[in-house]
Amino acid sequence: MMRRLVSCLAHSRFPLHLSTIPPKRSELFSPLLSSRLGSIQIGKISSQFSFSSHSFCSTYLLDPEVGIFRREKVTEDQSLVCCNENDIRTKGSNHAVGILHEAIMANLNAYDDMEKALDESGVDLTTPVVCKILQRLQYEEKTAFRFFTWAGHQEHYSHEPIAYNEMIDILSSTKYKNKQFRIVIDMLDYMKRNNKSSVPVDVLVEILRKYCERYLTHVQKFAKRKRIRVKTQPEINAFNMLLDALCKCGLVKEGEVMLKRMRHRVKPDENTFNVLFFGCCRVRDPKKAMKLLEEMIEAGHKPENFTYCAAIDAFCQAGMVNDAAELFDFMITKGSAVSAPTAKTFALMIVALAKNDKSEECFELIGRMISTGCLPDVSTYKDVIEGMCTAGKVEEAYKFLDEMSSKGYPPDIVTYNCFLRVLCENRKSDEALKLYGRMVESRCVPSVQTYNMLISMFFEMDDPDGAFNTWKEMDKRDCGQDIETYCVMINGLFDCHRAKEACFLLEEVVNKGLKLPYREFDSFLMRLSEVGNLKAIHKLSEHMKKFYNHSMARRFALGEKRKSTKLRGK
C-alpha cells in the first residue's frame, strides 16, 4: 500500500516530496547477527507522513486530518537558504557514499578485511547513505549483505525500515531467488502475527512442507518414489546453510561467534567443521584452519581428501606455500586412509614448489609420490605441465617429463598435446617446435590435434609460411587433415589477405564432400562476399544444402540476432 501511495503521488500535478517523521528509535532495532538476540518485528513501520510541494515563494502542505493542501508563505531569502542547506547536505551525503563505496570496491575479496577498511573511513552513517550504498551494490548481493551487517553493528546507527526493504529487494532480485526467498517471508510473517522471537521446529517444518508442495513438486515426487529417511536433524542442516552463507560472504568471524553461541543447542557435525575450514582458507588464515582441523579430528570426524585438496589449492594460489606444505605433512602424518594424498594433491604441491623456485623439493616430492604408490595419470601431467608453463617455468616442465620418464612413466601423445597447447597459446614457436622434435625422437606419433595447434599458432603470429610447412609435414607423415584443419587454414588465409589460396582449399572441401560446422560455413560466406567471389558462394551453398536445411539456417540467424541484442543491452 505504501508503494502504491508513493506511485500515485509521483504522477500528480505537484512536484511532491515524501518525508517520514523520524521515530525516536527504529522499530527494526535488532541488527542481523548482533551480539544480543532480539526479535525483528515486521510491520510496525511508522505511517506518519507529511507531503510537501515546494515552489519558489510558497509551500503546499498536506494536512493529514483534513486531507487537502494548505499554502504557507515563504520569503525568497528563506527559500534560497533552504535550497543551499539541501545542496550542502546532498554534497556531504554523496561524498560519504563515495568514500564508503571506494573502500568496499577496494576490498571485495573474501580474504580482504572490508570491515576494517570501512571502520577506518571515519564516515558517520545515516539511513540515506546506507540506502545509496545498497542501491549501488544491488547486483552484488553478497557484498551488499556484508556491508549491511557491518552497518548494523555501528554505534549511533540502527537500520530503519527503508534500509531493511532495500536489503530484502536485493536478496530477492531475481525470479529464482524470489522463489527461494518466499520461505523467509513466510517465517517473518509468522513471527510478526504471533509476536514470536523465534520459529519453532514444527512450524518451520510445516512451512517447508507447504513450500515444497507448491514450488518444488519434483522433490515431492521423488519423496513418494523413494522413502527418504532424514539422517540428520533439520536444525543442524539449517545451521550449516547459514554458516556456509556467512563464510562465502567473508564473514568468518561472525560464523565462529554464532557457532560458539549455538554449540550448547546444536551439536556441530562434519559439515559444520568443513564449512568453517573452507571459510578460514578463503580469508587466508592458515593457523585458524589448522586449529579447526585438529578440533575436527578430536571430535571424531574424519576430514575427506577433498577438504585437504581445496585448502592446499587455496594456500598455493595465495602464495602461502609453507602453510600448504605444513598442511600436506599434516595430511600424511595425522590423516586417515580416506584422506590419504592422491596424485591430484601431489600435483598441486609440485606446481606450487616449482613456481616458487624450489626445484629440489619439487623433484623430491615427485619421488615421494611414486614411492607412496600415487601413479601419475593424464590429469596429473596436465595439471603439472600447465601450471609450470603458465608460471614461465618451461625448463622445469621439461625436467619433470625427464624425471617421470626415468621413473618408468613416459608421457603419451595426450601429455605432449597438453604441453604444446600451453606453448602455442603463449606464442612460443621455438619451444613448440623443440617439443615437436622431442616428440618425434621419442617415437610418439603426433596426432591431428598436434598439427592443428601448430597451424593456428603460426597464423596468430602472422607466419603463413610456417602454417604451410606444417601442412606439408602432415602429408609427409601420412596424417590426414580433418575438417578442423581445413577451417583453421582457411580462416588463417583469409586473415592474411590470401583469398586465392583460401578459395582453393574451400573447393577441396567441396570435392571431398566434407561437412563444415554451420558457424564456419556462415563465416566463410561472409568472407567470400567481402572479396566478391559469387561463384564460390553459389558452389559452397549448393554443397552445404546436403547437410543443412532452411529452417536450421533461420534458427541460427535468430539465435545470433538474440545474442547481439543481449550484448547491446536491449
Protein backbone atom coordinates (compact mmCIF):
# COMPACT_ATOMS: atom_id res chain seq x y z
CA MET A 1 0.00 0.00 0.00
CA MET A 2 2.83 2.39 0.86
CA ARG A 3 4.46 1.85 -2.56
CA ARG A 4 1.10 2.33 -4.36
CA LEU A 5 0.57 5.59 -2.50
CA VAL A 6 4.02 6.85 -3.46
CA SER A 7 3.43 5.80 -7.08
CA CYS A 8 0.13 7.72 -7.24
CA LEU A 9 1.68 10.82 -5.73
CA ALA A 10 4.58 10.67 -8.17
CA HIS A 11 2.14 11.08 -11.07
CA SER A 12 0.31 14.07 -9.55
CA ARG A 13 0.49 17.64 -10.86
CA PHE A 14 2.59 18.97 -7.99
CA PRO A 15 6.30 18.10 -7.52
CA LEU A 16 5.69 16.25 -4.27
CA HIS A 17 8.35 15.16 -1.77
CA LEU A 18 7.75 12.24 0.57
CA SER A 19 9.30 12.52 4.00
CA THR A 20 8.81 10.42 7.10
CA ILE A 21 8.74 11.80 10.60
CA PRO A 22 11.82 10.16 12.13
CA PRO A 23 10.94 7.99 15.12
CA LYS A 24 12.87 8.24 18.35
CA ARG A 25 14.11 4.68 17.84
CA SER A 26 13.58 2.39 14.90
CA GLU A 27 11.16 -0.46 15.42
CA LEU A 28 13.53 -2.71 13.48
CA PHE A 29 16.27 -2.09 16.04
CA SER A 30 17.79 -5.55 16.08
CA PRO A 31 20.63 -5.75 13.50
CA LEU A 32 21.35 -9.01 11.75
CA LEU A 33 23.84 -11.22 13.61
CA SER A 34 24.05 -8.81 16.56
CA SER A 35 25.55 -9.93 19.82
CA ARG A 36 22.18 -9.68 21.60
CA LEU A 37 19.36 -11.94 20.49
CA GLY A 38 16.36 -9.82 19.65
CA SER A 39 13.22 -10.33 17.61
CA ILE A 40 12.85 -8.47 14.35
CA GLN A 41 9.33 -7.05 14.46
CA ILE A 42 7.90 -6.69 10.98
CA GLY A 43 5.10 -4.41 10.00
CA LYS A 44 5.35 -1.84 12.80
CA ILE A 45 6.64 0.80 10.44
CA SER A 46 5.56 4.30 11.25
CA SER A 47 2.80 5.50 8.95
CA GLN A 48 3.02 9.19 9.79
CA PHE A 49 3.85 11.05 6.62
CA SER A 50 3.89 14.68 5.61
CA PHE A 51 3.71 15.57 1.93
CA SER A 52 5.04 18.89 0.77
CA SER A 53 5.25 20.62 -2.61
CA HIS A 54 7.87 23.36 -2.78
CA SER A 55 7.66 26.38 -5.05
CA PHE A 56 9.94 29.41 -5.15
CA CYS A 57 7.94 31.55 -2.70
CA SER A 58 5.44 29.22 -1.07
CA THR A 59 4.94 25.69 0.23
CA TYR A 60 1.91 23.42 -0.05
CA LEU A 61 1.40 21.15 2.96
CA LEU A 62 -0.99 18.22 3.08
CA ASP A 63 -2.88 18.28 6.34
CA PRO A 64 -3.32 14.63 7.39
CA GLU A 65 -6.54 15.37 9.27
CA VAL A 66 -8.27 17.44 6.58
CA GLY A 67 -6.75 15.74 3.52
CA ILE A 68 -6.30 18.96 1.45
CA PHE A 69 -3.39 21.23 0.57
CA ARG A 70 -2.89 24.44 2.51
CA ARG A 71 -0.48 27.16 1.48
CA GLU A 72 2.20 28.76 3.64
CA LYS A 73 4.01 31.93 2.69
CA VAL A 74 7.78 31.67 2.45
CA THR A 75 10.06 34.56 1.63
CA GLU A 76 12.59 34.39 -1.20
CA ASP A 77 15.54 34.55 1.22
CA GLN A 78 14.19 31.66 3.30
CA SER A 79 13.71 29.59 0.14
CA LEU A 80 17.28 30.24 -1.01
CA VAL A 81 18.61 29.31 2.45
CA CYS A 82 16.65 26.04 2.36
CA CYS A 83 17.99 25.27 -1.12
CA ASN A 84 21.58 25.96 -0.03
CA GLU A 85 21.21 23.74 3.05
CA ASN A 86 19.79 20.93 0.90
CA ASP A 87 22.68 21.27 -1.58
CA ILE A 88 25.21 21.11 1.26
CA ARG A 89 23.54 18.00 2.73
CA THR A 90 23.39 16.34 -0.68
CA LYS A 91 27.06 17.06 -1.40
CA GLY A 92 28.10 15.77 2.05
CA SER A 93 25.99 12.65 1.61
CA ASN A 94 27.45 11.98 -1.86
CA HIS A 95 30.97 12.48 -0.50
CA ALA A 96 30.35 9.94 2.29
CA VAL A 97 28.83 7.48 -0.20
CA GLY A 98 31.86 7.87 -2.47
CA ILE A 99 34.32 7.17 0.37
CA LEU A 100 32.43 4.08 1.55
CA HIS A 101 31.91 2.74 -1.97
CA GLU A 102 35.60 3.15 -2.76
CA ALA A 103 36.56 1.27 0.43
CA ILE A 104 34.14 -1.54 -0.46
CA MET A 105 35.34 -1.91 -4.07
CA ALA A 106 38.99 -2.00 -2.92
CA ASN A 107 38.27 -4.91 -0.52
CA LEU A 108 35.88 -7.15 -2.46
CA ASN A 109 37.79 -10.41 -1.98
CA ALA A 110 36.83 -12.79 0.78
CA TYR A 111 40.28 -12.56 2.36
CA ASP A 112 40.23 -8.73 2.43
CA ASP A 113 39.26 -7.09 5.71
CA MET A 114 36.44 -4.93 4.36
CA GLU A 115 35.10 -4.20 7.83
CA LYS A 116 38.44 -2.75 8.96
CA ALA A 117 38.62 -0.55 5.86
CA LEU A 118 35.09 0.70 6.49
CA ASP A 119 35.91 1.43 10.14
CA GLU A 120 38.95 3.45 9.09
CA SER A 121 36.90 5.53 6.63
CA GLY A 122 35.55 7.61 9.53
CA VAL A 123 32.17 8.22 7.88
CA ASP A 124 29.12 8.86 10.08
CA LEU A 125 26.38 6.54 8.89
CA THR A 126 22.89 7.74 8.12
CA THR A 127 19.95 5.93 6.58
CA PRO A 128 20.19 7.77 3.21
CA VAL A 129 23.92 6.95 2.97
CA VAL A 130 23.29 3.25 3.69
CA CYS A 131 20.45 3.12 1.16
CA LYS A 132 22.57 4.74 -1.56
CA ILE A 133 25.37 2.23 -0.95
CA LEU A 134 22.89 -0.66 -1.14
CA GLN A 135 21.49 0.74 -4.40
CA ARG A 136 24.99 0.82 -5.87
CA LEU A 137 25.55 -2.80 -4.79
CA GLN A 138 22.17 -4.10 -5.99
CA TYR A 139 23.80 -6.66 -8.31
CA GLU A 140 26.36 -7.83 -5.70
CA GLU A 141 24.11 -9.39 -3.07
CA LYS A 142 26.95 -10.93 -1.04
CA THR A 143 28.88 -7.66 -0.82
CA ALA A 144 25.68 -5.74 -0.06
CA PHE A 145 24.79 -8.13 2.76
CA ARG A 146 28.32 -7.85 4.15
CA PHE A 147 28.08 -4.04 4.21
CA PHE A 148 24.56 -4.22 5.67
CA THR A 149 25.80 -6.44 8.51
CA TRP A 150 28.74 -4.13 9.23
CA ALA A 151 26.47 -1.08 9.30
CA GLY A 152 24.11 -2.78 11.76
CA HIS A 153 26.96 -3.16 14.27
CA GLN A 154 27.94 0.52 14.25
CA GLU A 155 27.29 2.77 17.23
CA HIS A 156 24.83 5.67 16.95
CA TYR A 157 23.17 4.00 13.98
CA SER A 158 20.36 1.49 13.62
CA HIS A 159 18.70 0.27 10.45
CA GLU A 160 15.47 2.00 9.50
CA PRO A 161 12.64 0.12 7.74
CA ILE A 162 13.67 1.59 4.37
CA ALA A 163 17.16 0.04 4.74
CA TYR A 164 15.64 -3.37 5.52
CA ASN A 165 13.38 -3.01 2.48
CA GLU A 166 16.37 -2.25 0.25
CA MET A 167 18.24 -5.29 1.53
CA ILE A 168 15.22 -7.55 1.05
CA ASP A 169 14.77 -6.26 -2.52
CA ILE A 170 18.40 -7.08 -3.29
CA LEU A 171 18.16 -10.59 -1.85
CA SER A 172 15.03 -11.32 -3.86
CA SER A 173 16.15 -9.56 -7.04
CA THR A 174 15.79 -12.46 -9.49
CA LYS A 175 12.91 -14.82 -10.14
CA TYR A 176 14.84 -17.84 -8.86
CA LYS A 177 15.92 -16.09 -5.68
CA ASN A 178 12.42 -14.71 -5.24
CA LYS A 179 11.07 -18.26 -5.10
CA GLN A 180 13.67 -19.21 -2.54
CA PHE A 181 13.04 -16.04 -0.56
CA ARG A 182 9.31 -16.69 -0.08
CA ILE A 183 10.06 -19.14 2.68
CA VAL A 184 11.89 -16.41 4.60
CA ILE A 185 8.91 -14.09 4.11
CA ASP A 186 6.59 -16.78 5.50
CA MET A 187 8.81 -17.19 8.56
CA LEU A 188 8.93 -13.45 9.22
CA ASP A 189 5.17 -13.23 8.71
CA TYR A 190 4.66 -15.97 11.30
CA MET A 191 6.89 -14.11 13.77
CA LYS A 192 5.01 -10.85 13.21
CA ARG A 193 1.48 -12.26 13.52
CA ASN A 194 2.23 -14.37 16.60
CA ASN A 195 4.61 -11.95 18.37
CA LYS A 196 7.35 -14.58 18.43
CA SER A 197 11.11 -14.00 18.60
CA SER A 198 11.89 -17.39 17.03
CA VAL A 199 10.19 -20.05 14.90
CA PRO A 200 9.57 -23.48 16.50
CA VAL A 201 10.87 -26.50 14.63
CA ASP A 202 7.42 -27.99 13.96
CA VAL A 203 6.17 -24.71 12.48
CA LEU A 204 9.32 -24.42 10.34
CA VAL A 205 8.86 -27.99 9.07
CA GLU A 206 5.24 -27.20 8.19
CA ILE A 207 6.33 -24.08 6.27
CA LEU A 208 8.95 -26.12 4.40
CA ARG A 209 6.39 -28.81 3.57
CA LYS A 210 3.94 -26.28 2.13
CA TYR A 211 6.75 -24.62 0.23
CA CYS A 212 7.79 -27.94 -1.33
CA GLU A 213 4.21 -28.84 -2.25
CA ARG A 214 3.71 -25.52 -4.02
CA TYR A 215 7.08 -24.73 -5.64
CA LEU A 216 9.22 -27.88 -5.52
CA THR A 217 6.94 -30.52 -6.99
CA HIS A 218 9.86 -32.61 -8.23
CA VAL A 219 11.05 -33.04 -4.62
CA GLN A 220 7.60 -34.25 -3.61
CA LYS A 221 7.53 -36.78 -6.47
CA PHE A 222 10.99 -38.03 -5.53
CA ALA A 223 9.94 -38.38 -1.88
CA LYS A 224 6.95 -40.52 -2.90
CA ARG A 225 9.06 -42.68 -5.17
CA LYS A 226 11.91 -43.12 -2.69
CA ARG A 227 11.30 -43.42 1.02
CA ILE A 228 13.64 -40.75 2.29
CA ARG A 229 14.89 -41.05 5.84
CA VAL A 230 16.38 -37.95 7.36
CA LYS A 231 19.83 -38.84 8.68
CA THR A 232 20.41 -35.51 10.39
CA GLN A 233 18.15 -33.14 12.27
CA PRO A 234 16.76 -30.12 10.41
CA GLU A 235 18.37 -27.77 12.96
CA ILE A 236 21.95 -28.70 12.03
CA ASN A 237 21.15 -28.54 8.29
CA ALA A 238 19.71 -25.05 8.59
CA PHE A 239 22.62 -24.00 10.80
CA ASN A 240 25.18 -25.31 8.29
CA MET A 241 23.44 -23.48 5.43
CA LEU A 242 23.53 -20.19 7.35
CA LEU A 243 27.16 -20.78 8.32
CA ASP A 244 28.07 -21.55 4.70
CA ALA A 245 26.40 -18.33 3.52
CA LEU A 246 28.35 -16.30 6.09
CA CYS A 247 31.68 -17.88 5.14
CA LYS A 248 31.07 -17.31 1.42
CA CYS A 249 30.42 -13.64 2.19
CA GLY A 250 33.74 -13.45 4.07
CA LEU A 251 32.06 -13.18 7.49
CA VAL A 252 34.07 -15.98 9.10
CA LYS A 253 34.43 -14.23 12.46
CA GLU A 254 30.67 -13.83 12.71
CA GLY A 255 30.31 -17.51 11.83
CA GLU A 256 32.65 -18.51 14.65
CA VAL A 257 30.76 -16.34 17.12
CA MET A 258 27.49 -17.94 16.02
CA LEU A 259 28.99 -21.43 16.39
CA LYS A 260 30.15 -20.70 19.96
CA ARG A 261 26.72 -19.32 20.83
CA MET A 262 24.81 -22.28 19.36
CA ARG A 263 27.10 -25.13 20.47
CA HIS A 264 25.04 -25.97 23.55
CA ARG A 265 21.85 -26.11 21.44
CA VAL A 266 23.04 -27.70 18.18
CA LYS A 267 25.82 -30.27 18.06
CA PRO A 268 28.20 -29.46 15.16
CA ASP A 269 28.74 -32.25 12.65
CA GLU A 270 31.38 -32.94 9.99
CA ASN A 271 29.87 -30.44 7.54
CA THR A 272 30.00 -27.69 10.15
CA PHE A 273 33.75 -28.06 10.53
CA ASN A 274 34.24 -28.36 6.76
CA VAL A 275 32.33 -25.12 6.12
CA LEU A 276 34.33 -23.20 8.71
CA PHE A 277 37.56 -24.73 7.45
CA PHE A 278 36.83 -23.57 3.88
CA GLY A 279 35.94 -20.15 5.25
CA CYS A 280 39.30 -19.83 7.01
CA CYS A 281 41.05 -20.85 3.79
CA ARG A 282 39.12 -18.21 1.83
CA VAL A 283 40.21 -15.44 4.20
CA ARG A 284 43.79 -16.83 4.22
CA ASP A 285 44.03 -17.68 7.90
CA PRO A 286 46.03 -20.96 7.94
CA LYS A 287 46.61 -21.04 11.71
CA LYS A 288 42.92 -20.99 12.46
CA ALA A 289 42.31 -23.56 9.70
CA MET A 290 44.85 -25.97 11.21
CA LYS A 291 43.32 -25.46 14.65
CA LEU A 292 39.89 -26.32 13.24
CA LEU A 293 41.30 -29.48 11.63
CA GLU A 294 42.68 -30.64 14.97
CA GLU A 295 39.35 -29.90 16.68
CA MET A 296 37.57 -31.82 13.95
CA ILE A 297 39.76 -34.90 14.44
CA GLU A 298 39.43 -34.68 18.24
CA ALA A 299 35.63 -34.58 17.86
CA GLY A 300 35.79 -37.89 15.98
CA HIS A 301 35.19 -36.54 12.47
CA LYS A 302 37.45 -37.57 9.60
CA PRO A 303 38.27 -34.90 7.01
CA GLU A 304 37.96 -36.07 3.42
CA ASN A 305 40.61 -35.76 0.73
CA PHE A 306 38.58 -33.04 -1.00
CA THR A 307 38.81 -30.87 2.12
CA TYR A 308 42.60 -31.05 2.17
CA CYS A 309 42.94 -30.51 -1.60
CA ALA A 310 40.75 -27.42 -1.54
CA ALA A 311 42.73 -25.95 1.35
CA ILE A 312 46.12 -26.69 -0.24
CA ASP A 313 44.94 -25.18 -3.53
CA ALA A 314 43.72 -22.03 -1.74
CA PHE A 315 47.02 -21.60 0.12
CA CYS A 316 49.09 -22.19 -3.03
CA GLN A 317 47.11 -19.65 -5.05
CA ALA A 318 47.64 -17.11 -2.28
CA GLY A 319 51.41 -17.75 -2.34
CA MET A 320 51.39 -19.36 1.12
CA VAL A 321 53.49 -22.37 0.09
CA ASN A 322 54.96 -23.03 3.54
CA ASP A 323 51.48 -23.22 5.07
CA ALA A 324 50.38 -25.52 2.24
CA ALA A 325 53.41 -27.76 2.87
CA GLU A 326 52.58 -27.86 6.58
CA LEU A 327 49.01 -28.91 5.80
CA PHE A 328 50.31 -31.52 3.33
CA ASP A 329 52.55 -33.05 6.04
CA PHE A 330 49.62 -32.98 8.46
CA MET A 331 47.56 -34.82 5.85
CA ILE A 332 50.14 -37.60 5.56
CA THR A 333 51.02 -37.98 9.25
CA LYS A 334 47.69 -37.41 11.02
CA GLY A 335 45.20 -38.04 8.21
CA SER A 336 43.15 -41.19 7.79
CA ALA A 337 43.04 -43.68 4.92
CA VAL A 338 40.11 -41.75 3.44
CA SER A 339 42.13 -38.54 3.36
CA ALA A 340 45.38 -40.02 2.01
CA PRO A 341 47.00 -37.76 -0.62
CA THR A 342 46.20 -38.56 -4.24
CA ALA A 343 48.04 -37.71 -7.44
CA LYS A 344 45.95 -34.50 -7.61
CA THR A 345 47.24 -33.41 -4.19
CA PHE A 346 50.84 -34.10 -5.19
CA ALA A 347 50.32 -32.20 -8.46
CA LEU A 348 49.13 -29.11 -6.56
CA MET A 349 52.20 -29.14 -4.32
CA ILE A 350 54.63 -29.83 -7.20
CA VAL A 351 53.33 -26.85 -9.18
CA ALA A 352 53.45 -24.58 -6.11
CA LEU A 353 57.06 -25.54 -5.34
CA ALA A 354 58.09 -25.06 -8.98
CA LYS A 355 56.50 -21.60 -9.09
CA ASN A 356 58.46 -20.57 -6.00
CA ASP A 357 61.83 -21.76 -7.43
CA LYS A 358 62.09 -24.76 -5.10
CA SER A 359 63.25 -27.25 -7.72
CA GLU A 360 65.00 -29.66 -5.35
CA GLU A 361 61.97 -30.00 -3.09
CA CYS A 362 59.80 -30.32 -6.20
CA PHE A 363 61.67 -33.35 -7.56
CA GLU A 364 61.94 -34.89 -4.08
CA LEU A 365 58.17 -34.73 -3.93
CA ILE A 366 57.94 -36.45 -7.33
CA GLY A 367 59.99 -39.37 -5.99
CA ARG A 368 57.88 -39.41 -2.85
CA MET A 369 54.70 -39.55 -4.96
CA ILE A 370 55.89 -42.62 -6.86
CA SER A 371 57.18 -44.34 -3.71
CA THR A 372 53.80 -43.94 -1.97
CA GLY A 373 52.03 -45.60 -4.90
CA CYS A 374 50.31 -42.50 -6.34
CA LEU A 375 50.79 -43.30 -10.01
CA PRO A 376 50.54 -40.31 -12.35
CA ASP A 377 47.78 -40.21 -14.94
CA VAL A 378 46.94 -37.84 -17.80
CA SER A 379 45.35 -35.27 -15.49
CA THR A 380 48.46 -35.26 -13.28
CA TYR A 381 50.73 -34.49 -16.24
CA LYS A 382 48.26 -31.90 -17.50
CA ASP A 383 47.99 -30.06 -14.15
CA VAL A 384 51.75 -30.03 -13.52
CA ILE A 385 52.80 -29.03 -17.04
CA GLU A 386 50.12 -26.36 -17.45
CA GLY A 387 50.93 -24.92 -14.03
CA MET A 388 54.67 -24.76 -14.72
CA CYS A 389 54.30 -23.33 -18.24
CA THR A 390 51.79 -20.71 -17.11
CA ALA A 391 54.29 -19.60 -14.47
CA GLY A 392 57.03 -19.39 -17.12
CA LYS A 393 58.89 -22.47 -15.82
CA VAL A 394 59.28 -24.24 -19.17
CA GLU A 395 62.66 -25.80 -18.32
CA GLU A 396 61.21 -27.23 -15.10
CA ALA A 397 58.40 -28.76 -17.16
CA TYR A 398 60.96 -30.49 -19.40
CA LYS A 399 62.81 -31.74 -16.31
CA PHE A 400 59.52 -33.07 -14.95
CA LEU A 401 58.97 -35.07 -18.16
CA ASP A 402 62.54 -36.42 -17.99
CA GLU A 403 62.16 -37.35 -14.34
CA MET A 404 58.91 -39.20 -14.96
CA SER A 405 60.40 -40.98 -18.00
CA SER A 406 63.39 -42.13 -15.92
CA LYS A 407 60.99 -43.49 -13.29
CA GLY A 408 59.25 -45.59 -15.93
CA TYR A 409 56.27 -43.31 -16.67
CA PRO A 410 56.92 -41.80 -20.13
CA PRO A 411 54.43 -39.21 -21.42
CA ASP A 412 51.99 -40.11 -24.18
CA ILE A 413 50.51 -38.03 -27.01
CA VAL A 414 47.83 -36.51 -24.74
CA THR A 415 50.52 -35.27 -22.34
CA TYR A 416 52.57 -33.80 -25.16
CA ASN A 417 49.50 -32.09 -26.61
CA CYS A 418 48.71 -30.51 -23.22
CA PHE A 419 52.27 -29.18 -23.08
CA LEU A 420 52.12 -28.00 -26.70
CA ARG A 421 48.78 -26.22 -26.21
CA VAL A 422 50.21 -24.02 -23.45
CA LEU A 423 53.25 -23.15 -25.59
CA CYS A 424 51.09 -22.36 -28.64
CA GLU A 425 48.70 -20.18 -26.64
CA ASN A 426 51.69 -18.17 -25.39
CA ARG A 427 53.08 -17.98 -28.97
CA LYS A 428 56.40 -19.61 -28.08
CA SER A 429 57.10 -21.02 -31.53
CA ASP A 430 60.71 -22.06 -30.84
CA GLU A 431 59.72 -24.00 -27.72
CA ALA A 432 56.75 -25.55 -29.54
CA LEU A 433 58.93 -26.79 -32.43
CA LYS A 434 61.50 -28.05 -29.94
CA LEU A 435 58.80 -30.04 -28.16
CA TYR A 436 57.56 -31.39 -31.51
CA GLY A 437 61.07 -32.58 -32.37
CA ARG A 438 61.37 -34.22 -28.97
CA MET A 439 58.02 -35.93 -29.51
CA VAL A 440 59.20 -37.39 -32.84
CA GLU A 441 62.52 -38.51 -31.34
CA SER A 442 60.74 -40.38 -28.56
CA ARG A 443 58.72 -42.24 -31.24
CA CYS A 444 55.45 -40.69 -30.09
CA VAL A 445 53.29 -40.30 -33.22
CA PRO A 446 51.83 -36.77 -33.48
CA SER A 447 48.06 -36.54 -33.83
CA VAL A 448 45.89 -34.26 -35.98
CA GLN A 449 45.34 -32.02 -32.93
CA THR A 450 49.11 -31.54 -32.68
CA TYR A 451 49.31 -30.11 -36.19
CA ASN A 452 46.12 -28.06 -35.77
CA MET A 453 47.61 -26.27 -32.76
CA LEU A 454 50.84 -25.53 -34.64
CA ILE A 455 48.98 -24.18 -37.70
CA SER A 456 46.78 -21.96 -35.52
CA MET A 457 49.86 -20.63 -33.67
CA PHE A 458 51.66 -19.73 -36.91
CA PHE A 459 48.66 -17.81 -38.25
CA GLU A 460 48.29 -15.93 -34.96
CA MET A 461 51.96 -14.94 -35.28
CA ASP A 462 51.32 -13.79 -38.90
CA ASP A 463 53.53 -16.54 -40.30
CA PRO A 464 51.57 -18.32 -43.08
CA ASP A 465 54.75 -19.99 -44.40
CA GLY A 466 55.12 -21.85 -41.10
CA ALA A 467 51.50 -23.00 -41.41
CA PHE A 468 52.13 -24.29 -44.96
CA ASN A 469 55.26 -26.13 -43.78
CA THR A 470 53.17 -27.78 -41.05
CA TRP A 471 50.61 -28.80 -43.69
CA LYS A 472 53.38 -30.39 -45.77
CA GLU A 473 54.69 -32.15 -42.65
CA MET A 474 51.25 -33.72 -42.20
CA ASP A 475 51.33 -35.05 -45.78
CA LYS A 476 54.88 -36.31 -45.25
CA ARG A 477 53.87 -38.31 -42.16
CA ASP A 478 50.62 -39.59 -43.71
CA CYS A 479 48.47 -37.73 -41.18
CA GLY A 480 45.20 -36.87 -42.90
CA GLN A 481 43.69 -33.42 -42.44
CA ASP A 482 40.30 -33.26 -40.75
CA ILE A 483 37.63 -30.57 -41.07
CA GLU A 484 39.13 -28.58 -38.17
CA THR A 485 42.47 -28.42 -40.03
CA TYR A 486 40.73 -27.04 -43.12
CA CYS A 487 38.80 -24.47 -41.06
CA VAL A 488 41.96 -23.24 -39.30
CA MET A 489 43.83 -22.95 -42.61
CA ILE A 490 41.00 -21.19 -44.47
CA ASN A 491 40.36 -18.68 -41.67
CA GLY A 492 44.09 -18.00 -41.36
CA LEU A 493 44.48 -17.42 -45.11
CA PHE A 494 41.53 -15.02 -45.19
CA ASP A 495 43.06 -13.11 -42.25
CA CYS A 496 46.37 -12.88 -44.14
CA HIS A 497 44.55 -11.50 -47.23
CA ARG A 498 45.34 -14.61 -49.26
CA ALA A 499 41.84 -15.24 -50.57
CA LYS A 500 43.00 -17.20 -53.62
CA GLU A 501 44.59 -19.99 -51.54
CA ALA A 502 41.57 -19.97 -49.18
CA CYS A 503 39.17 -20.45 -52.12
CA PHE A 504 41.34 -23.30 -53.40
CA LEU A 505 41.04 -25.07 -50.02
CA LEU A 506 37.28 -24.42 -49.95
CA GLU A 507 36.98 -26.09 -53.34
CA GLU A 508 38.92 -29.05 -51.94
CA VAL A 509 36.44 -29.25 -49.04
CA VAL A 510 33.55 -29.37 -51.54
CA ASN A 511 35.26 -32.00 -53.71
CA LYS A 512 35.95 -34.23 -50.69
CA GLY A 513 32.33 -33.87 -49.52
CA LEU A 514 33.30 -32.67 -46.03
CA LYS A 515 30.67 -31.19 -43.74
CA LEU A 516 31.54 -27.75 -42.39
CA PRO A 517 30.22 -26.61 -38.99
CA TYR A 518 27.37 -24.18 -39.60
CA ARG A 519 29.11 -21.30 -37.82
CA GLU A 520 32.19 -21.73 -40.02
CA PHE A 521 30.01 -22.05 -43.13
CA ASP A 522 28.29 -18.75 -42.30
CA SER A 523 31.67 -17.11 -41.65
CA PHE A 524 33.09 -18.33 -44.97
CA LEU A 525 30.08 -16.95 -46.86
CA MET A 526 30.71 -13.54 -45.30
CA ARG A 527 34.40 -13.71 -46.24
CA LEU A 528 33.59 -14.69 -49.84
CA SER A 529 31.06 -11.87 -50.15
CA GLU A 530 33.75 -9.41 -49.00
CA VAL A 531 36.08 -10.49 -51.82
CA GLY A 532 33.17 -10.68 -54.29
CA ASN A 533 33.56 -14.32 -55.32
CA LEU A 534 29.94 -15.11 -56.21
CA LYS A 535 30.83 -18.35 -57.98
CA ALA A 536 32.42 -19.77 -54.83
CA ILE A 537 29.43 -18.63 -52.74
CA HIS A 538 26.99 -20.44 -55.05
CA LYS A 539 29.11 -23.61 -55.15
CA LEU A 540 29.59 -23.72 -51.37
CA SER A 541 25.88 -23.06 -50.74
CA GLU A 542 24.86 -25.89 -53.08
CA HIS A 543 27.29 -28.20 -51.31
CA MET A 544 26.01 -27.33 -47.82
CA LYS A 545 22.37 -27.91 -48.82
CA LYS A 546 23.12 -31.63 -48.44
CA PHE A 547 23.72 -31.15 -44.71
CA TYR A 548 21.59 -28.17 -43.58
CA ASN A 549 18.04 -27.02 -44.39
CA HIS A 550 16.44 -23.57 -44.44
CA SER A 551 14.75 -23.89 -41.06
CA MET A 552 18.08 -24.58 -39.36
CA ALA A 553 19.64 -21.58 -41.08
CA ARG A 554 16.76 -19.41 -39.90
CA ARG A 555 17.12 -20.74 -36.35
CA PHE A 556 20.83 -19.98 -36.37
CA ALA A 557 20.24 -16.44 -37.68
CA LEU A 558 17.64 -15.76 -34.99
CA GLY A 559 20.00 -17.08 -32.32
CA GLU A 560 22.79 -14.81 -33.49
CA LYS A 561 20.40 -11.85 -33.52
CA ARG A 562 19.29 -12.65 -29.97
CA LYS A 563 22.92 -12.75 -28.81
CA SER A 564 23.73 -9.41 -30.41
CA THR A 565 20.69 -7.68 -28.88
CA LYS A 566 21.55 -9.13 -25.47
CA LEU A 567 25.11 -7.77 -25.72
CA ARG A 568 23.74 -4.35 -26.63
CA GLY A 569 21.52 -4.45 -23.56
CA LYS A 570 18.25 -4.07 -25.48
